[in-house]
Each structure stands twice: as structure tokens, then as C-alpha cells.
């Protein structure tokens, strides 16, 4: 499992012009899955995202988590996180899990995020053409992979 997470002051996702998910201050999480991802990956990632200290404390030091600041999380599925550009100029998506595998993984991931955060996590629409808007705060952007945690 791979995510790109951005600390935001606001973010929204639209499908066919309608907002399907929207947050104020918090994290925008773009999530991609491989076929062999499982509950261990989902559990680890959900816990890591909710507890990672990338929000400033009173001294201006990144020492608070999204849970600590009462922030929200907006989750959007994004298979393109597993693009391979090794050969040629057209990306290959072979490593990304197919929809019938990744859709239930995404649903379970969102449920785990919600449980860790203690409140609902809005999302986009799985497999839809989505437009994501955000105001990156900092900017702070992290790339996290459950198979190679750094």
C-alpha cells in the first residue's frame, strides 16, 4: 500500500461537479493498493497517518498529529501511485491492484482510518473521474509505503 499525504487547510473532491467529500484543516490522503496488500498494511497505514506528528505545536514545531489537533482526513483512491515509468514514456499500471481487489481494500482502509480518528472520513467515488482541490499547508507532503516504511 502506498499513500501520498498532504497537510491541508482545506480539500475537496468532486465527481461530475458535485462535492463527494470535503474537509477543513487536516490531511488529504491519496491511497493506492497492490494485489497482495492486506489488513496488516491497512492497519499499519491507518495508525501511522492518524499518529504522524506533522502539525505545529505552540512553539511552531511539528509535534502534533491530526488526531491531536482535531483535524479531518479526506481519502481518495489513486491507482496511479503504482505507476512504473521504467520502459518508454507511457506509464504501466501492472503493480496496481485491479478494481475488484482495490475497491474493498479502500473501503476497509477508510473504515480503519475512521476508527483510528474517531470520526467519519469523507472520500471520493472509487473508480470515478475525480477532481481534487486542496490548499497545501506548509507545504507538507509525505509519501509513505507500507512495504518500505522509512
N, C-alpha and C. Protein backbone atom coordinates (compact mmCIF):
# COMPACT_ATOMS: atom_id res chain seq x y z
N UNK A 1 0.85 -1.17 0.00
CA UNK A 1 0.00 0.00 0.00
C UNK A 1 0.89 1.23 0.00
N UNK A 2 0.48 2.20 -0.77
CA UNK A 2 1.25 3.43 -0.89
C UNK A 2 0.30 4.61 -0.77
N UNK A 3 0.71 5.64 -0.02
CA UNK A 3 -0.08 6.86 0.06
C UNK A 3 0.80 8.08 -0.17
N UNK A 4 0.17 9.11 -0.66
CA UNK A 4 0.73 10.45 -0.64
C UNK A 4 -0.20 11.23 0.26
N UNK A 5 0.36 11.84 1.30
CA UNK A 5 -0.45 12.58 2.27
C UNK A 5 0.01 14.03 2.28
N UNK A 6 -0.96 14.92 2.25
CA UNK A 6 -0.68 16.34 2.27
C UNK A 6 -1.41 16.99 3.44
N UNK A 7 -0.67 17.79 4.20
CA UNK A 7 -1.30 18.59 5.25
C UNK A 7 -2.00 19.74 4.56
N UNK A 8 -3.29 19.93 4.84
CA UNK A 8 -4.08 20.92 4.13
C UNK A 8 -4.83 21.83 5.09
N UNK A 9 -5.15 23.03 4.60
CA UNK A 9 -6.07 23.89 5.34
C UNK A 9 -7.50 23.61 4.89
N UNK A 10 -7.64 23.06 3.67
CA UNK A 10 -8.93 22.62 3.15
C UNK A 10 -8.69 21.74 1.93
N UNK A 11 -9.63 20.85 1.67
CA UNK A 11 -9.55 19.98 0.49
C UNK A 11 -10.96 19.50 0.15
N UNK A 12 -11.16 19.23 -1.13
CA UNK A 12 -12.45 18.72 -1.58
C UNK A 12 -12.24 17.83 -2.80
N UNK A 13 -13.15 16.91 -3.00
CA UNK A 13 -13.15 16.07 -4.20
C UNK A 13 -14.54 16.17 -4.82
N UNK A 14 -14.53 16.33 -6.14
CA UNK A 14 -15.78 16.45 -6.90
C UNK A 14 -15.85 15.36 -7.96
N UNK A 15 -17.08 14.89 -8.20
CA UNK A 15 -17.37 13.96 -9.28
C UNK A 15 -18.54 14.55 -10.04
N UNK A 16 -18.32 14.78 -11.33
CA UNK A 16 -19.34 15.39 -12.19
C UNK A 16 -19.86 16.69 -11.60
N UNK A 17 -18.96 17.48 -11.03
CA UNK A 17 -19.29 18.79 -10.48
C UNK A 17 -19.84 18.80 -9.07
N UNK A 18 -20.20 17.64 -8.53
CA UNK A 18 -20.77 17.57 -7.19
C UNK A 18 -19.70 17.18 -6.18
N UNK A 19 -19.67 17.86 -5.05
CA UNK A 19 -18.72 17.54 -3.99
C UNK A 19 -19.12 16.22 -3.34
N UNK A 20 -18.19 15.27 -3.32
CA UNK A 20 -18.45 13.98 -2.67
C UNK A 20 -17.74 13.88 -1.32
N UNK A 21 -16.74 14.70 -1.10
CA UNK A 21 -16.02 14.73 0.17
C UNK A 21 -15.33 16.06 0.32
N UNK A 22 -15.30 16.58 1.54
CA UNK A 22 -14.72 17.89 1.78
C UNK A 22 -14.28 17.98 3.23
N UNK A 23 -13.13 18.62 3.47
CA UNK A 23 -12.64 18.82 4.83
C UNK A 23 -12.07 20.23 4.97
N UNK A 24 -11.94 20.64 6.23
CA UNK A 24 -11.18 21.83 6.58
C UNK A 24 -9.76 21.41 6.89
N UNK A 25 -9.15 21.95 7.93
CA UNK A 25 -7.77 21.58 8.27
C UNK A 25 -7.63 20.09 8.55
N UNK A 26 -6.58 19.49 8.01
CA UNK A 26 -6.34 18.07 8.22
C UNK A 26 -5.43 17.49 7.18
N UNK A 27 -5.74 16.26 6.74
CA UNK A 27 -4.90 15.54 5.80
C UNK A 27 -5.69 15.10 4.58
N UNK A 28 -5.12 15.33 3.41
CA UNK A 28 -5.63 14.73 2.17
C UNK A 28 -4.76 13.50 1.94
N UNK A 29 -5.41 12.33 1.83
CA UNK A 29 -4.69 11.07 1.65
C UNK A 29 -5.07 10.47 0.30
N UNK A 30 -4.09 10.36 -0.59
CA UNK A 30 -4.26 9.66 -1.86
C UNK A 30 -3.71 8.26 -1.64
N UNK A 31 -4.55 7.23 -1.86
CA UNK A 31 -4.17 5.87 -1.49
C UNK A 31 -4.22 4.93 -2.67
N UNK A 32 -3.14 4.15 -2.85
CA UNK A 32 -3.07 3.13 -3.90
C UNK A 32 -2.74 1.78 -3.28
N UNK A 33 -3.19 0.73 -3.97
CA UNK A 33 -3.07 -0.62 -3.43
C UNK A 33 -2.47 -1.58 -4.45
N UNK A 34 -1.74 -2.58 -3.93
CA UNK A 34 -1.25 -3.70 -4.73
C UNK A 34 -2.11 -4.92 -4.40
N UNK A 35 -2.09 -5.91 -5.28
CA UNK A 35 -2.94 -7.10 -5.11
C UNK A 35 -2.70 -7.84 -3.80
N UNK A 36 -1.46 -7.85 -3.32
CA UNK A 36 -1.19 -8.62 -2.11
C UNK A 36 -1.24 -7.80 -0.84
N UNK A 37 -1.78 -6.58 -0.90
CA UNK A 37 -1.98 -5.81 0.32
C UNK A 37 -3.07 -6.47 1.16
N UNK A 38 -2.92 -6.37 2.46
CA UNK A 38 -3.89 -6.99 3.36
C UNK A 38 -4.14 -6.14 4.58
N UNK A 39 -4.81 -6.73 5.56
CA UNK A 39 -5.18 -5.99 6.76
C UNK A 39 -3.98 -5.45 7.52
N UNK A 40 -2.86 -6.16 7.49
CA UNK A 40 -1.67 -5.65 8.19
C UNK A 40 -1.21 -4.33 7.58
N UNK A 41 -1.25 -4.23 6.24
CA UNK A 41 -0.88 -2.98 5.57
C UNK A 41 -1.87 -1.86 5.93
N UNK A 42 -3.16 -2.20 5.89
CA UNK A 42 -4.20 -1.21 6.17
C UNK A 42 -4.13 -0.72 7.61
N UNK A 43 -3.95 -1.65 8.55
CA UNK A 43 -3.85 -1.28 9.96
C UNK A 43 -2.65 -0.38 10.22
N UNK A 44 -1.50 -0.80 9.68
CA UNK A 44 -0.27 -0.02 9.89
C UNK A 44 -0.42 1.39 9.33
N UNK A 45 -0.94 1.49 8.09
CA UNK A 45 -1.05 2.78 7.44
C UNK A 45 -2.05 3.69 8.15
N UNK A 46 -3.20 3.16 8.53
CA UNK A 46 -4.20 3.97 9.22
C UNK A 46 -3.63 4.53 10.53
N UNK A 47 -2.98 3.67 11.30
CA UNK A 47 -2.37 4.13 12.55
C UNK A 47 -1.28 5.16 12.31
N UNK A 48 -0.45 4.91 11.32
CA UNK A 48 0.65 5.82 11.01
C UNK A 48 0.11 7.20 10.62
N UNK A 49 -0.91 7.24 9.77
CA UNK A 49 -1.45 8.52 9.31
C UNK A 49 -2.08 9.31 10.45
N UNK A 50 -2.82 8.66 11.30
CA UNK A 50 -3.50 9.36 12.38
C UNK A 50 -2.53 9.85 13.45
N UNK A 51 -1.40 9.15 13.62
CA UNK A 51 -0.46 9.50 14.69
C UNK A 51 0.79 10.26 14.25
N UNK A 52 1.03 10.39 12.94
CA UNK A 52 2.24 11.09 12.49
C UNK A 52 2.16 12.56 12.86
N UNK A 53 3.21 13.05 13.49
CA UNK A 53 3.21 14.42 14.04
C UNK A 53 3.74 15.41 12.99
N UNK A 54 2.82 15.95 12.20
CA UNK A 54 3.20 16.92 11.17
C UNK A 54 2.41 18.23 11.29
N UNK A 55 1.79 18.44 12.45
CA UNK A 55 1.11 19.70 12.72
C UNK A 55 1.88 20.44 13.81
N UNK A 56 1.93 21.75 13.70
CA UNK A 56 2.75 22.55 14.62
C UNK A 56 2.13 22.66 16.01
N UNK A 57 3.02 22.66 17.00
CA UNK A 57 2.59 22.92 18.38
C UNK A 57 2.69 24.43 18.63
N UNK A 58 2.52 24.84 19.87
CA UNK A 58 2.54 26.28 20.21
C UNK A 58 3.89 26.92 19.92
N UNK A 59 4.94 26.11 19.85
CA UNK A 59 6.28 26.64 19.56
C UNK A 59 6.60 26.63 18.07
N UNK A 60 5.67 26.18 17.25
CA UNK A 60 5.92 26.13 15.81
C UNK A 60 6.66 24.89 15.36
N UNK A 61 6.78 23.91 16.24
CA UNK A 61 7.48 22.66 15.93
C UNK A 61 6.44 21.61 15.51
N UNK A 62 6.73 20.86 14.44
CA UNK A 62 5.82 19.79 14.02
C UNK A 62 5.86 18.69 15.08
N UNK A 63 4.90 18.78 16.01
CA UNK A 63 4.90 17.88 17.15
C UNK A 63 3.52 17.37 17.48
N UNK A 64 2.53 17.64 16.60
CA UNK A 64 1.15 17.23 16.87
C UNK A 64 0.60 16.45 15.68
N UNK A 65 -0.24 15.48 15.96
CA UNK A 65 -0.85 14.66 14.91
C UNK A 65 -2.20 15.24 14.51
N UNK A 66 -2.77 14.68 13.44
CA UNK A 66 -4.10 15.12 13.01
C UNK A 66 -5.12 14.85 14.12
N UNK A 67 -4.95 13.78 14.86
CA UNK A 67 -5.84 13.50 16.00
C UNK A 67 -5.66 14.54 17.09
N UNK A 68 -4.40 14.91 17.37
CA UNK A 68 -4.11 15.89 18.42
C UNK A 68 -4.77 17.24 18.13
N UNK A 69 -4.81 17.63 16.86
CA UNK A 69 -5.35 18.96 16.51
C UNK A 69 -6.84 18.92 16.17
N UNK A 70 -7.44 17.73 16.24
CA UNK A 70 -8.86 17.61 15.91
C UNK A 70 -9.14 17.80 14.43
N UNK A 71 -8.14 17.49 13.60
CA UNK A 71 -8.28 17.67 12.15
C UNK A 71 -9.06 16.54 11.51
N UNK A 72 -9.34 16.70 10.23
CA UNK A 72 -10.07 15.72 9.45
C UNK A 72 -9.15 15.03 8.45
N UNK A 73 -9.64 13.96 7.86
CA UNK A 73 -8.94 13.26 6.79
C UNK A 73 -9.90 13.08 5.63
N UNK A 74 -9.44 13.40 4.43
CA UNK A 74 -10.16 13.14 3.19
C UNK A 74 -9.36 12.08 2.45
N UNK A 75 -9.99 10.94 2.14
CA UNK A 75 -9.30 9.83 1.48
C UNK A 75 -9.79 9.69 0.04
N UNK A 76 -8.83 9.54 -0.88
CA UNK A 76 -9.13 9.40 -2.31
C UNK A 76 -8.32 8.24 -2.86
N UNK A 77 -8.99 7.31 -3.52
CA UNK A 77 -8.28 6.18 -4.13
C UNK A 77 -7.52 6.67 -5.36
N UNK A 78 -6.30 6.15 -5.55
CA UNK A 78 -5.49 6.60 -6.68
C UNK A 78 -4.52 5.51 -7.11
N UNK A 79 -4.95 4.71 -8.09
CA UNK A 79 -4.13 3.59 -8.57
C UNK A 79 -2.84 4.07 -9.22
N UNK A 80 -2.79 5.31 -9.69
CA UNK A 80 -1.60 5.81 -10.39
C UNK A 80 -0.37 5.92 -9.48
N UNK A 81 -0.55 5.75 -8.17
CA UNK A 81 0.60 5.78 -7.27
C UNK A 81 1.54 4.61 -7.52
N UNK A 82 1.05 3.57 -8.22
CA UNK A 82 1.90 2.42 -8.55
C UNK A 82 2.32 2.42 -10.02
N UNK A 83 2.42 3.59 -10.60
CA UNK A 83 2.87 3.70 -11.99
C UNK A 83 4.34 3.29 -12.10
N UNK A 84 4.67 2.61 -13.18
CA UNK A 84 6.05 2.30 -13.50
C UNK A 84 6.39 3.03 -14.80
N UNK A 85 7.50 3.77 -14.77
CA UNK A 85 7.93 4.51 -15.96
C UNK A 85 9.30 4.02 -16.42
N UNK A 86 9.64 2.77 -16.08
CA UNK A 86 10.94 2.20 -16.44
C UNK A 86 11.16 2.13 -17.94
N UNK A 87 10.13 1.69 -18.67
CA UNK A 87 10.28 1.49 -20.11
C UNK A 87 9.40 2.48 -20.86
N UNK A 88 10.00 3.19 -21.78
CA UNK A 88 9.23 4.09 -22.63
C UNK A 88 8.69 5.29 -21.87
N UNK A 89 7.70 5.93 -22.47
CA UNK A 89 7.15 7.15 -21.90
C UNK A 89 5.71 7.01 -21.43
N UNK A 90 5.13 5.85 -21.65
CA UNK A 90 3.77 5.61 -21.19
C UNK A 90 3.83 4.77 -19.92
N UNK A 91 3.28 5.28 -18.80
CA UNK A 91 3.34 4.51 -17.56
C UNK A 91 2.61 3.18 -17.67
N UNK A 92 3.12 2.23 -16.92
CA UNK A 92 2.47 0.92 -16.78
C UNK A 92 1.81 0.89 -15.41
N UNK A 93 0.63 0.29 -15.33
CA UNK A 93 -0.11 0.21 -14.07
C UNK A 93 -0.14 -1.22 -13.55
N UNK A 94 0.76 -2.09 -14.02
CA UNK A 94 0.73 -3.51 -13.69
C UNK A 94 0.79 -3.80 -12.19
N UNK A 95 1.48 -2.96 -11.43
CA UNK A 95 1.61 -3.22 -9.99
C UNK A 95 0.36 -2.84 -9.21
N UNK A 96 -0.47 -1.97 -9.77
CA UNK A 96 -1.69 -1.54 -9.07
C UNK A 96 -2.71 -2.68 -9.06
N UNK A 97 -3.36 -2.84 -7.93
CA UNK A 97 -4.40 -3.87 -7.82
C UNK A 97 -5.58 -3.50 -8.72
N UNK A 98 -6.18 -4.51 -9.32
CA UNK A 98 -7.37 -4.30 -10.14
C UNK A 98 -8.52 -3.82 -9.25
N UNK A 99 -9.50 -3.20 -9.87
CA UNK A 99 -10.61 -2.63 -9.14
C UNK A 99 -11.33 -3.57 -8.19
N UNK A 100 -11.52 -4.83 -8.64
CA UNK A 100 -12.25 -5.78 -7.79
C UNK A 100 -11.46 -6.14 -6.53
N UNK A 101 -10.15 -5.88 -6.54
CA UNK A 101 -9.32 -6.11 -5.35
C UNK A 101 -9.17 -4.81 -4.56
N UNK A 102 -8.89 -3.71 -5.26
CA UNK A 102 -8.59 -2.46 -4.57
C UNK A 102 -9.83 -1.78 -3.99
N UNK A 103 -11.01 -1.95 -4.59
CA UNK A 103 -12.22 -1.31 -4.04
C UNK A 103 -12.50 -1.77 -2.61
N UNK A 104 -12.52 -3.09 -2.34
CA UNK A 104 -12.74 -3.50 -0.95
C UNK A 104 -11.59 -3.11 -0.02
N UNK A 105 -10.36 -3.10 -0.54
CA UNK A 105 -9.23 -2.64 0.27
C UNK A 105 -9.42 -1.18 0.67
N UNK A 106 -9.83 -0.35 -0.29
CA UNK A 106 -10.04 1.06 0.00
C UNK A 106 -11.15 1.23 1.03
N UNK A 107 -12.25 0.51 0.89
CA UNK A 107 -13.36 0.61 1.85
C UNK A 107 -12.91 0.22 3.26
N UNK A 108 -12.13 -0.86 3.37
CA UNK A 108 -11.63 -1.28 4.68
C UNK A 108 -10.64 -0.27 5.25
N UNK A 109 -9.81 0.30 4.37
CA UNK A 109 -8.86 1.32 4.81
C UNK A 109 -9.58 2.53 5.37
N UNK A 110 -10.61 3.00 4.68
CA UNK A 110 -11.38 4.17 5.15
C UNK A 110 -12.04 3.85 6.49
N UNK A 111 -12.56 2.65 6.65
CA UNK A 111 -13.18 2.25 7.92
C UNK A 111 -12.14 2.26 9.04
N UNK A 112 -10.95 1.77 8.76
CA UNK A 112 -9.88 1.75 9.76
C UNK A 112 -9.42 3.17 10.10
N UNK A 113 -9.30 4.03 9.09
CA UNK A 113 -8.95 5.44 9.34
C UNK A 113 -9.99 6.09 10.24
N UNK A 114 -11.25 5.86 9.93
CA UNK A 114 -12.34 6.44 10.70
C UNK A 114 -12.31 5.97 12.15
N UNK A 115 -12.06 4.69 12.34
CA UNK A 115 -11.97 4.14 13.70
C UNK A 115 -10.79 4.75 14.46
N UNK A 116 -9.63 4.87 13.81
CA UNK A 116 -8.44 5.45 14.45
C UNK A 116 -8.66 6.92 14.79
N UNK A 117 -9.31 7.65 13.87
CA UNK A 117 -9.52 9.09 14.04
C UNK A 117 -10.69 9.38 14.97
N UNK A 118 -11.64 8.45 15.05
CA UNK A 118 -12.79 8.65 15.91
C UNK A 118 -13.90 9.47 15.29
N UNK A 119 -13.89 9.57 13.96
CA UNK A 119 -14.96 10.29 13.26
C UNK A 119 -14.96 9.87 11.80
N UNK A 120 -16.05 10.16 11.09
CA UNK A 120 -16.13 9.75 9.68
C UNK A 120 -15.03 10.35 8.82
N UNK A 121 -14.60 9.60 7.82
CA UNK A 121 -13.60 10.05 6.85
C UNK A 121 -14.29 10.16 5.49
N UNK A 122 -14.48 11.39 4.99
CA UNK A 122 -15.09 11.53 3.67
C UNK A 122 -14.16 11.03 2.57
N UNK A 123 -14.74 10.67 1.43
CA UNK A 123 -13.97 10.11 0.32
C UNK A 123 -14.45 10.66 -1.01
N UNK A 124 -13.72 10.29 -2.03
CA UNK A 124 -14.18 10.46 -3.40
C UNK A 124 -15.07 9.28 -3.75
N UNK A 125 -15.24 9.02 -5.05
CA UNK A 125 -16.02 7.88 -5.52
C UNK A 125 -15.06 6.94 -6.22
N UNK A 126 -14.92 5.74 -5.69
CA UNK A 126 -13.95 4.78 -6.22
C UNK A 126 -14.16 4.58 -7.72
N UNK A 127 -13.08 4.70 -8.49
CA UNK A 127 -13.10 4.44 -9.92
C UNK A 127 -13.66 5.57 -10.77
N UNK A 128 -14.14 6.63 -10.15
CA UNK A 128 -14.71 7.75 -10.91
C UNK A 128 -13.61 8.70 -11.37
N UNK A 129 -13.95 9.53 -12.34
CA UNK A 129 -13.10 10.64 -12.75
C UNK A 129 -13.32 11.74 -11.73
N UNK A 130 -12.32 11.97 -10.88
CA UNK A 130 -12.46 12.91 -9.77
C UNK A 130 -11.58 14.13 -9.98
N UNK A 131 -12.06 15.26 -9.48
CA UNK A 131 -11.27 16.48 -9.44
C UNK A 131 -11.03 16.80 -7.96
N UNK A 132 -9.76 16.86 -7.61
CA UNK A 132 -9.38 17.10 -6.22
C UNK A 132 -8.78 18.50 -6.12
N UNK A 133 -9.31 19.27 -5.19
CA UNK A 133 -8.75 20.61 -4.94
C UNK A 133 -8.27 20.66 -3.50
N UNK A 134 -7.21 21.40 -3.28
CA UNK A 134 -6.65 21.48 -1.94
C UNK A 134 -5.82 22.74 -1.78
N UNK A 135 -5.65 23.13 -0.55
CA UNK A 135 -4.68 24.16 -0.19
C UNK A 135 -3.69 23.46 0.72
N UNK A 136 -2.49 23.19 0.17
CA UNK A 136 -1.45 22.50 0.91
C UNK A 136 -0.90 23.47 1.96
N UNK A 137 -0.85 23.03 3.19
CA UNK A 137 -0.42 23.85 4.32
C UNK A 137 1.05 23.58 4.61
N UNK A 138 1.89 24.53 4.32
CA UNK A 138 3.33 24.39 4.61
C UNK A 138 4.22 24.79 3.46
N UNK A 139 4.25 24.07 2.40
CA UNK A 139 3.60 22.80 2.11
C UNK A 139 4.26 21.65 2.85
N UNK A 140 3.41 20.72 3.26
CA UNK A 140 3.87 19.48 3.88
C UNK A 140 3.27 18.33 3.08
N UNK A 141 4.13 17.52 2.47
CA UNK A 141 3.70 16.38 1.67
C UNK A 141 4.63 15.21 1.98
N UNK A 142 4.03 14.04 2.28
CA UNK A 142 4.79 12.83 2.57
C UNK A 142 4.35 11.71 1.64
N UNK A 143 5.28 10.86 1.28
CA UNK A 143 4.99 9.64 0.54
C UNK A 143 5.33 8.48 1.47
N UNK A 144 4.35 7.59 1.71
CA UNK A 144 4.54 6.51 2.67
C UNK A 144 4.15 5.19 2.02
N UNK A 145 5.00 4.18 2.16
CA UNK A 145 4.74 2.87 1.60
C UNK A 145 4.75 1.84 2.74
N UNK A 146 3.69 1.05 2.84
CA UNK A 146 3.61 0.08 3.94
C UNK A 146 4.68 -1.01 3.84
N UNK A 147 5.23 -1.22 2.64
CA UNK A 147 6.24 -2.27 2.45
C UNK A 147 7.66 -1.77 2.71
N UNK A 148 7.87 -0.47 2.66
CA UNK A 148 9.19 0.07 2.97
C UNK A 148 9.04 1.30 3.83
N UNK A 149 8.62 1.09 5.08
CA UNK A 149 8.48 2.23 5.98
C UNK A 149 9.83 2.86 6.27
N UNK A 150 9.89 4.14 6.14
CA UNK A 150 11.14 4.87 6.40
C UNK A 150 10.95 5.83 7.53
